Amino acid sequence: MHGHLAVFPKGSGARLILDARIFALGRPQDAPLFHFDTEDVAAAHHHAVALGVEIVTPVQFEQWFTIRDPDGNVLMICRC
């Protein structure tokens, strides 16, 4: 998909999406391990902020943002 995404359906509408161009060269630790789909990225961002989740990047292009989980992993929330 789009020349850099590999999409694997997992049942019940869930998908695993791997992205070959997700991080800046030399900084793989900043790359999201995977992403969660949402239909409303603004509402998802608001919810994450309300929960006190560490926001790594703000909403980009009205499409996605990244967070850090309690173990330090970067995860992406992306409009599907």
C-alpha atoms as a PDB file:
ATOM      1  CA  MET A   1       0.000   0.000   0.000  1.00  0.00           C
ATOM      2  CA  HIS A   2       1.431   3.432  -1.005  1.00  0.00           C
ATOM      3  CA  GLY A   3       4.751   1.757  -1.851  1.00  0.00           C
ATOM      4  CA  HIS A   4       5.897   1.439   1.758  1.00  0.00           C
ATOM      5  CA  LEU A   5       3.090  -0.097   3.840  1.00  0.00           C
ATOM      6  CA  ALA A   6       2.429  -3.811   4.267  1.00  0.00           C
ATOM      7  CA  VAL A   7      -1.106  -4.484   5.553  1.00  0.00           C
ATOM      8  CA  PHE A   8      -2.041  -7.805   7.142  1.00  0.00           C
ATOM      9  CA  PRO A   9      -5.733  -8.346   8.081  1.00  0.00           C
ATOM     10  CA  LYS A  10      -6.022  -9.956  11.525  1.00  0.00           C
ATOM     11  CA  GLY A  11      -9.779 -10.602  11.743  1.00  0.00           C
ATOM     12  CA  SER A  12     -12.617  -8.603  13.282  1.00  0.00           C
ATOM     13  CA  GLY A  13     -11.479  -5.566  11.270  1.00  0.00           C
ATOM     14  CA  ALA A  14      -8.072  -5.376  12.987  1.00  0.00           C
ATOM     15  CA  ARG A  15      -4.980  -4.975  10.826  1.00  0.00           C
ATOM     16  CA  LEU A  16      -1.237  -5.178  11.400  1.00  0.00           C
ATOM     17  CA  ILE A  17       0.513  -2.495   9.342  1.00  0.00           C
ATOM     18  CA  LEU A  18       4.279  -2.390   8.879  1.00  0.00           C
ATOM     19  CA  ASP A  19       5.857   0.759   7.446  1.00  0.00           C
ATOM     20  CA  ALA A  20       9.225   0.724   5.666  1.00  0.00           C
ATOM     21  CA  ARG A  21       9.606   4.522   5.829  1.00  0.00           C
ATOM     22  CA  ILE A  22       8.491   5.335   9.346  1.00  0.00           C
ATOM     23  CA  PHE A  23      11.630   6.804  10.906  1.00  0.00           C
ATOM     24  CA  ALA A  24      14.441   9.219  10.145  1.00  0.00           C
ATOM     25  CA  LEU A  25      17.694   7.549   9.136  1.00  0.00           C
ATOM     26  CA  GLY A  26      19.857   6.746  12.121  1.00  0.00           C
ATOM     27  CA  ARG A  27      17.016   7.045  14.643  1.00  0.00           C
ATOM     28  CA  PRO A  28      15.171   3.697  14.646  1.00  0.00           C
ATOM     29  CA  GLN A  29      14.450   4.045  18.391  1.00  0.00           C
ATOM     30  CA  ASP A  30      12.025   6.833  17.456  1.00  0.00           C
ATOM     31  CA  ALA A  31      10.129   4.606  15.036  1.00  0.00           C
ATOM     32  CA  PRO A  32       6.665   3.474  16.101  1.00  0.00           C
ATOM     33  CA  LEU A  33       6.559  -0.276  16.703  1.00  0.00           C
ATOM     34  CA  PHE A  34       3.072  -0.369  15.185  1.00  0.00           C
ATOM     35  CA  HIS A  35       0.002   1.778  14.953  1.00  0.00           C
ATOM     36  CA  PHE A  36      -3.578   1.747  16.074  1.00  0.00           C
ATOM     37  CA  ASP A  37      -6.340   2.761  13.659  1.00  0.00           C
ATOM     38  CA  THR A  38      -8.926   5.371  14.594  1.00  0.00           C
ATOM     39  CA  GLU A  39     -11.751   6.977  12.661  1.00  0.00           C
ATOM     40  CA  ASP A  40     -11.318  10.271  14.553  1.00  0.00           C
ATOM     41  CA  VAL A  41      -7.674  11.199  15.129  1.00  0.00           C
ATOM     42  CA  ALA A  42      -8.548  14.463  16.919  1.00  0.00           C
ATOM     43  CA  ALA A  43     -10.764  12.639  19.419  1.00  0.00           C
ATOM     44  CA  ALA A  44      -8.084   9.968  19.922  1.00  0.00           C
ATOM     45  CA  HIS A  45      -5.491  12.679  20.583  1.00  0.00           C
ATOM     46  CA  HIS A  46      -7.801  14.422  23.054  1.00  0.00           C
ATOM     47  CA  HIS A  47      -8.416  11.104  24.826  1.00  0.00           C
ATOM     48  CA  ALA A  48      -4.682  10.351  25.049  1.00  0.00           C
ATOM     49  CA  VAL A  49      -3.976  13.814  26.495  1.00  0.00           C
ATOM     50  CA  ALA A  50      -6.828  13.410  29.012  1.00  0.00           C
ATOM     51  CA  LEU A  51      -5.298  10.106  30.144  1.00  0.00           C
ATOM     52  CA  GLY A  52      -1.898  11.736  30.642  1.00  0.00           C
ATOM     53  CA  VAL A  53      -0.224   9.752  27.868  1.00  0.00           C
ATOM     54  CA  GLU A  54       3.138  11.155  26.724  1.00  0.00           C
ATOM     55  CA  ILE A  55       2.595  12.689  23.284  1.00  0.00           C
ATOM     56  CA  VAL A  56       5.742  12.336  21.151  1.00  0.00           C
ATOM     57  CA  THR A  57       4.473  14.158  18.055  1.00  0.00           C
ATOM     58  CA  PRO A  58       1.321  16.242  17.726  1.00  0.00           C
ATOM     59  CA  VAL A  59      -1.300  15.411  15.112  1.00  0.00           C
ATOM     60  CA  GLN A  60       0.373  15.554  11.691  1.00  0.00           C
ATOM     61  CA  PHE A  61      -1.566  16.389   8.510  1.00  0.00           C
ATOM     62  CA  GLU A  62      -4.803  15.574  10.384  1.00  0.00           C
ATOM     63  CA  GLN A  63      -3.792  11.913   9.914  1.00  0.00           C
ATOM     64  CA  TRP A  64      -1.628  10.624  12.776  1.00  0.00           C
ATOM     65  CA  PHE A  65       0.288  11.297  15.987  1.00  0.00           C
ATOM     66  CA  THR A  66       2.690   9.293  18.130  1.00  0.00           C
ATOM     67  CA  ILE A  67       2.763   8.467  21.822  1.00  0.00           C
ATOM     68  CA  ARG A  68       5.161   6.756  24.200  1.00  0.00           C
ATOM     69  CA  ASP A  69       3.928   3.804  26.238  1.00  0.00           C
ATOM     70  CA  PRO A  70       5.011   3.200  29.867  1.00  0.00           C
ATOM     71  CA  ASP A  71       7.884   0.967  28.644  1.00  0.00           C
ATOM     72  CA  GLY A  72       9.269   3.748  26.413  1.00  0.00           C
ATOM     73  CA  ASN A  73       8.031   2.351  23.097  1.00  0.00           C
ATOM     74  CA  VAL A  74       6.743   4.763  20.476  1.00  0.00           C
ATOM     75  CA  LEU A  75       3.306   3.889  19.074  1.00  0.00           C
ATOM     76  CA  MET A  76       1.314   5.633  16.331  1.00  0.00           C
ATOM     77  CA  ILE A  77      -2.386   6.466  16.260  1.00  0.00           C
ATOM     78  CA  CYS A  78      -3.498   6.833  12.652  1.00  0.00           C
ATOM     79  CA  ARG A  79      -6.756   7.758  10.954  1.00  0.00           C
ATOM     80  CA  CYS A  80      -7.942   4.762   8.961  1.00  0.00           C
END
